Amino acid sequence: MRVFLLATTAALAVTPVFAADTPVAVPAVEPQPVHYGEMRGSHDPWEGFYVKGQVGYLWPEFRGATYAVTGGTSGFETGELDNTWAAGIGAGFQVNRYLRTELMFDYIFDSDFYGSTVGQCGVGPGGALVDCTSTDTTSWNAYTLMASLYVDLDFWEHHSAWGHIVPFVGGGIGGSYVNWDRLNNTACEIADPTNCETIYHEGESSWRFAWQVEAGASYYFRCDFAGEASYRYRRIGEGGMFGYASSTGPGHDQGINVQSVNLGLRYYPGRDCEPPYVPPHVPPVYK
């Protein structure tokens, strides 16, 4: 009997024990939603910094002008500005998903001015005053430095890291350096249109207060590269337009309204666009 018990114990010791198969699950790692305004990767604070280039097509509007004449003041009967182009560069910072700030410097290319007046001029016999019409031509350009604040209307909870449209609205304040070229004033007698005289007024240049509002949309080609299209209204304040010549002047314009459509590109050099690492799925292991 003792020998049997010892033999049975030894057999049990060398026999493998089979328990119920128990699955061991590997937890899955879910990718997190991507929001373009939020920091990613290394959480480097410079991830929000971007540089920007922009071009625009402009519709400027002349708001009128006054100038001194003998015995008082006068103004243009008509005044129009040609459409023109603008180009700018700048930098900004994406504060969070909804808010960004921007500093832009742009140049408005030459835009021709055409004006006219009706009055009296000294082209009669012996310099006598007669009824005249005058044609006034010049051109202007401007440099503008503008600090702006934009609200990105990014209300989507989830979106892809490749391609996303984000509407935005914003506004800014700054200054424009307006440069007027020489004003050519040609006055002709109404009774004899061939009897004309041209007077030249030197143009004026000055810094002026400016402000703008803007609305548009951004399209993210990648998390670090976005294009944008927008409409902008800019108001440039009043300032000197031309100097004194032949008992007329100086002239003072009442400012310029500028509407424009713009295309721009933004690049975020500190952003890492690699998608978050997701470990490969491992099937359950049974023991």
Protein backbone atom coordinates (compact mmCIF):
# COMPACT_ATOMS: atom_id res chain seq x y z
CA MET A 1 0.00 0.00 0.00
CA ARG A 2 2.78 2.43 0.87
CA VAL A 3 4.55 1.61 -2.38
CA PHE A 4 1.30 2.37 -4.35
CA LEU A 5 0.86 5.76 -2.74
CA LEU A 6 4.44 6.76 -3.47
CA ALA A 7 4.08 5.70 -7.09
CA THR A 8 0.85 7.66 -7.49
CA THR A 9 2.39 10.81 -6.01
CA ALA A 10 5.38 10.61 -8.33
CA ALA A 11 3.13 10.21 -11.36
CA LEU A 12 1.12 13.28 -10.46
CA ALA A 13 4.31 15.32 -10.01
CA VAL A 14 5.49 14.71 -13.58
CA THR A 15 2.08 15.00 -15.27
CA PRO A 16 1.32 18.50 -16.82
CA VAL A 17 -1.69 20.26 -15.31
CA PHE A 18 -4.24 21.51 -17.85
CA ALA A 19 -6.27 24.44 -16.58
CA ALA A 20 -9.12 26.16 -18.37
CA ASP A 21 -7.86 28.26 -21.26
CA THR A 22 -7.78 31.92 -20.12
CA PRO A 23 -7.55 34.73 -22.78
CA VAL A 24 -5.15 37.59 -22.05
CA ALA A 25 -6.35 40.74 -23.88
CA VAL A 26 -4.00 43.51 -24.99
CA PRO A 27 -5.69 46.90 -24.52
CA ALA A 28 -6.19 48.89 -27.75
CA VAL A 29 -4.89 52.42 -28.00
CA GLU A 30 -7.42 54.73 -29.64
CA PRO A 31 -6.09 57.64 -31.77
CA GLN A 32 -6.96 61.02 -30.33
CA PRO A 33 -8.92 63.69 -32.26
CA VAL A 34 -6.74 66.16 -34.12
CA HIS A 35 -7.47 69.88 -33.83
CA TYR A 36 -5.27 72.14 -35.89
CA GLY A 37 -5.18 74.94 -33.35
CA GLU A 38 -3.88 72.73 -30.56
CA MET A 39 -0.28 71.86 -29.79
CA ARG A 40 0.94 68.42 -30.81
CA GLY A 41 4.00 66.24 -30.68
CA SER A 42 6.68 67.67 -28.41
CA HIS A 43 4.39 70.43 -27.06
CA ASP A 44 7.02 72.95 -28.06
CA PRO A 45 5.49 76.42 -27.54
CA TRP A 46 6.81 77.40 -30.99
CA GLU A 47 4.39 74.93 -32.59
CA GLY A 48 1.85 77.77 -32.76
CA PHE A 49 4.18 80.15 -34.63
CA TYR A 50 3.64 80.58 -38.37
CA VAL A 51 4.89 82.66 -41.29
CA LYS A 52 2.60 83.92 -44.03
CA GLY A 53 2.63 85.29 -47.56
CA GLN A 54 -0.35 86.92 -49.25
CA VAL A 55 -1.43 88.56 -52.50
CA GLY A 56 -4.63 90.51 -53.15
CA TYR A 57 -6.65 92.29 -55.81
CA LEU A 58 -7.91 95.70 -54.63
CA TRP A 59 -10.82 98.05 -55.37
CA PRO A 60 -9.79 101.39 -53.81
CA GLU A 61 -12.33 104.18 -53.34
CA PHE A 62 -11.32 107.86 -53.17
CA ARG A 63 -13.22 109.61 -50.37
CA GLY A 64 -12.75 113.14 -51.67
CA ALA A 65 -10.29 115.98 -51.09
CA THR A 66 -10.21 119.69 -50.32
CA TYR A 67 -7.62 122.27 -51.30
CA ALA A 68 -7.05 125.95 -50.73
CA VAL A 69 -7.86 128.51 -53.44
CA THR A 70 -7.87 132.29 -53.41
CA GLY A 71 -10.60 133.34 -51.02
CA GLY A 72 -11.51 129.90 -49.65
CA THR A 73 -11.42 126.17 -50.32
CA SER A 74 -12.57 123.91 -53.11
CA GLY A 75 -12.66 120.22 -53.96
CA PHE A 76 -12.76 117.74 -56.82
CA GLU A 77 -16.03 117.30 -58.68
CA THR A 78 -15.08 113.70 -59.41
CA GLY A 79 -12.28 111.45 -58.23
CA GLU A 80 -11.64 107.82 -59.12
CA LEU A 81 -8.88 105.32 -58.43
CA ASP A 82 -7.87 102.40 -60.64
CA ASN A 83 -7.96 98.86 -59.28
CA THR A 84 -4.58 97.50 -58.29
CA TRP A 85 -2.69 94.66 -56.54
CA ALA A 86 -1.07 94.17 -53.17
CA ALA A 87 1.47 91.71 -51.75
CA GLY A 88 2.48 91.11 -48.16
CA ILE A 89 4.48 89.01 -45.72
CA GLY A 90 4.08 88.50 -42.01
CA ALA A 91 4.01 86.17 -39.03
CA GLY A 92 1.45 85.03 -36.50
CA PHE A 93 0.79 82.77 -33.56
CA GLN A 94 -1.97 80.19 -33.08
CA VAL A 95 -2.89 80.79 -29.44
CA ASN A 96 -5.35 77.89 -29.33
CA ARG A 97 -7.84 76.09 -31.52
CA TYR A 98 -10.01 79.20 -31.94
CA LEU A 99 -7.70 82.21 -31.62
CA ARG A 100 -4.65 83.50 -33.49
CA THR A 101 -2.79 86.79 -33.74
CA GLU A 102 -0.95 88.17 -36.75
CA LEU A 103 1.39 90.98 -37.80
CA MET A 104 1.44 91.72 -41.54
CA PHE A 105 3.36 94.14 -43.73
CA ASP A 106 2.01 94.72 -47.24
CA TYR A 107 2.58 96.96 -50.23
CA ILE A 108 -0.20 98.38 -52.41
CA PHE A 109 1.12 98.86 -55.94
CA ASP A 110 0.57 102.08 -57.91
CA SER A 111 -3.06 103.02 -58.54
CA ASP A 112 -3.84 105.85 -60.95
CA PHE A 113 -6.09 108.74 -59.90
CA TYR A 114 -8.41 110.65 -62.28
CA GLY A 115 -10.19 113.76 -61.03
CA SER A 116 -11.93 116.81 -62.42
CA THR A 117 -13.02 120.27 -61.26
CA VAL A 118 -15.16 123.07 -62.63
CA GLY A 119 -14.43 126.74 -61.91
CA GLN A 120 -12.47 129.71 -63.13
CA CYS A 121 -8.87 129.80 -64.23
CA GLY A 122 -6.51 132.43 -65.55
CA VAL A 123 -6.22 131.38 -69.19
CA GLY A 124 -8.14 134.33 -70.63
CA PRO A 125 -6.54 137.32 -72.44
CA GLY A 126 -3.84 138.78 -70.22
CA GLY A 127 -4.43 136.08 -67.62
CA ALA A 128 -8.07 137.04 -67.06
CA LEU A 129 -10.26 134.52 -65.23
CA VAL A 130 -12.59 132.53 -67.46
CA ASP A 131 -14.84 129.50 -66.90
CA CYS A 132 -12.77 126.31 -67.06
CA THR A 133 -12.86 122.58 -66.54
CA SER A 134 -9.74 120.85 -65.29
CA THR A 135 -8.46 117.31 -65.46
CA ASP A 136 -6.28 116.11 -62.58
CA THR A 137 -4.14 112.99 -62.77
CA THR A 138 -1.71 111.39 -60.37
CA SER A 139 -1.11 108.02 -58.72
CA TRP A 140 -0.62 106.65 -55.23
CA ASN A 141 0.82 103.63 -53.45
CA ALA A 142 1.04 102.63 -49.80
CA TYR A 143 2.89 100.50 -47.26
CA THR A 144 0.79 99.14 -44.40
CA LEU A 145 1.76 97.51 -41.10
CA MET A 146 -1.25 95.86 -39.45
CA ALA A 147 -1.69 93.93 -36.17
CA SER A 148 -4.75 91.66 -36.35
CA LEU A 149 -6.71 89.20 -34.22
CA TYR A 150 -8.58 86.30 -35.86
CA VAL A 151 -11.21 83.89 -34.55
CA ASP A 152 -11.13 80.48 -36.24
CA LEU A 153 -14.65 79.02 -36.30
CA ASP A 154 -13.43 75.46 -35.80
CA PHE A 155 -16.48 73.69 -34.38
CA TRP A 156 -15.75 70.17 -35.63
CA GLU A 157 -15.10 67.62 -32.90
CA HIS A 158 -13.10 65.22 -35.07
CA HIS A 159 -11.31 65.72 -38.34
CA SER A 160 -8.52 64.28 -40.41
CA ALA A 161 -4.92 65.39 -40.25
CA TRP A 162 -5.02 65.86 -44.03
CA GLY A 163 -7.37 68.53 -45.28
CA HIS A 164 -9.83 70.58 -43.27
CA ILE A 165 -11.71 73.84 -43.93
CA VAL A 166 -11.89 76.38 -41.09
CA PRO A 167 -13.85 79.65 -41.57
CA PHE A 168 -12.48 82.72 -39.78
CA VAL A 169 -13.32 86.36 -39.01
CA GLY A 170 -11.03 89.05 -37.69
CA GLY A 171 -9.90 92.64 -37.64
CA GLY A 172 -6.86 94.77 -37.04
CA ILE A 173 -5.40 98.22 -36.54
CA GLY A 174 -2.19 99.76 -37.79
CA GLY A 175 -0.73 102.43 -40.02
CA SER A 176 -0.40 103.11 -43.74
CA TYR A 177 2.33 105.19 -45.33
CA VAL A 178 0.55 106.75 -48.34
CA ASN A 179 2.67 108.21 -51.11
CA TRP A 180 1.03 110.48 -53.71
CA ASP A 181 2.90 111.16 -56.95
CA ARG A 182 2.98 114.58 -58.66
CA LEU A 183 -0.49 115.96 -59.47
CA ASN A 184 -0.91 117.15 -63.06
CA ASN A 185 -3.66 119.78 -63.25
CA THR A 186 -4.68 120.70 -66.80
CA ALA A 187 -7.30 123.49 -67.03
CA CYS A 188 -9.05 124.29 -70.31
CA GLU A 189 -11.41 127.13 -71.18
CA ILE A 190 -14.98 125.90 -71.65
CA ALA A 191 -15.59 128.30 -74.56
CA ASP A 192 -12.33 127.29 -76.23
CA PRO A 193 -11.22 123.76 -75.22
CA THR A 194 -7.92 124.24 -77.06
CA ASN A 195 -6.94 127.04 -74.66
CA CYS A 196 -5.35 125.05 -71.82
CA GLU A 197 -2.72 125.39 -69.13
CA THR A 198 -1.05 122.67 -67.04
CA ILE A 199 0.15 123.21 -63.48
CA TYR A 200 2.14 120.64 -61.50
CA HIS A 201 1.73 120.09 -57.76
CA GLU A 202 4.29 118.03 -55.87
CA GLY A 203 2.76 114.98 -54.19
CA GLU A 204 2.65 114.51 -50.42
CA SER A 205 3.56 111.43 -48.35
CA SER A 206 2.57 110.65 -44.77
CA TRP A 207 1.77 107.94 -42.23
CA ARG A 208 -1.94 107.55 -41.48
CA PHE A 209 -4.05 105.50 -39.11
CA ALA A 210 -5.64 102.43 -40.71
CA TRP A 211 -7.98 99.65 -39.64
CA GLN A 212 -9.52 96.61 -41.30
CA VAL A 213 -12.05 93.78 -40.96
CA GLU A 214 -11.76 90.46 -42.74
CA ALA A 215 -13.65 87.20 -43.27
CA GLY A 216 -12.62 84.04 -45.09
CA ALA A 217 -11.67 80.39 -44.76
CA SER A 218 -8.49 78.36 -44.31
CA TYR A 219 -7.81 74.98 -45.88
CA TYR A 220 -5.23 72.79 -44.14
CA PHE A 221 -3.28 70.75 -46.66
CA ARG A 222 -1.34 69.40 -43.66
CA CYS A 223 -1.30 70.30 -40.00
CA ASP A 224 1.66 72.62 -40.71
CA PHE A 225 0.59 74.09 -44.06
CA ALA A 226 -2.63 76.00 -44.80
CA GLY A 227 -4.00 78.08 -47.63
CA GLU A 228 -6.56 80.81 -47.10
CA ALA A 229 -8.95 82.97 -49.13
CA SER A 230 -10.62 86.07 -47.73
CA TYR A 231 -12.49 89.32 -48.31
CA ARG A 232 -11.10 92.42 -46.56
CA TYR A 233 -12.30 95.97 -46.03
CA ARG A 234 -9.61 98.49 -45.03
CA ARG A 235 -10.03 102.16 -44.14
CA ILE A 236 -6.97 104.39 -44.58
CA GLY A 237 -7.23 107.75 -42.82
CA GLU A 238 -6.94 111.23 -44.28
CA GLY A 239 -3.73 113.11 -45.01
CA GLY A 240 -1.82 115.42 -47.35
CA MET A 241 -2.29 114.85 -51.07
CA PHE A 242 -0.40 117.60 -52.96
CA GLY A 243 1.47 120.83 -52.38
CA TYR A 244 1.00 124.49 -53.29
CA ALA A 245 1.40 125.80 -56.85
CA SER A 246 0.05 128.85 -58.72
CA SER A 247 -2.21 130.13 -55.91
CA THR A 248 -3.78 126.68 -55.38
CA GLY A 249 -3.06 124.19 -52.62
CA PRO A 250 -2.08 122.47 -50.54
CA GLY A 251 -4.54 119.61 -51.05
CA HIS A 252 -5.77 117.26 -48.34
CA ASP A 253 -7.53 113.98 -49.15
CA GLN A 254 -10.25 112.54 -46.90
CA GLY A 255 -8.88 109.01 -46.92
CA ILE A 256 -9.20 105.88 -49.00
CA ASN A 257 -11.46 102.85 -48.62
CA VAL A 258 -9.92 99.63 -49.94
CA GLN A 259 -11.86 96.44 -50.63
CA SER A 260 -9.89 93.36 -51.64
CA VAL A 261 -9.97 89.62 -52.21
CA ASN A 262 -6.87 87.85 -50.95
CA LEU A 263 -5.07 84.52 -51.25
CA GLY A 264 -2.48 83.50 -48.68
CA LEU A 265 -0.34 80.63 -47.44
CA ARG A 266 0.60 79.89 -43.81
CA TYR A 267 3.44 77.61 -42.71
CA TYR A 268 3.97 76.38 -39.14
CA PRO A 269 7.67 75.39 -39.01
CA GLY A 270 7.50 73.93 -35.49
CA ARG A 271 4.68 71.45 -36.06
CA ASP A 272 5.15 67.70 -36.42
CA CYS A 273 2.59 66.23 -38.80
CA GLU A 274 3.41 62.58 -38.14
CA PRO A 275 0.24 60.84 -36.90
CA PRO A 276 0.26 59.62 -33.27
CA TYR A 277 1.79 56.15 -32.86
CA VAL A 278 -0.81 53.40 -32.50
CA PRO A 279 0.60 49.97 -31.53
CA PRO A 280 -0.36 47.17 -33.94
CA HIS A 281 -3.32 45.03 -32.91
CA VAL A 282 -2.26 41.80 -31.21
CA PRO A 283 -4.86 39.00 -31.06
CA PRO A 284 -5.67 37.49 -27.65
CA VAL A 285 -3.15 34.94 -26.39
CA TYR A 286 -4.60 31.79 -24.77
CA LYS A 287 -2.69 29.92 -22.05
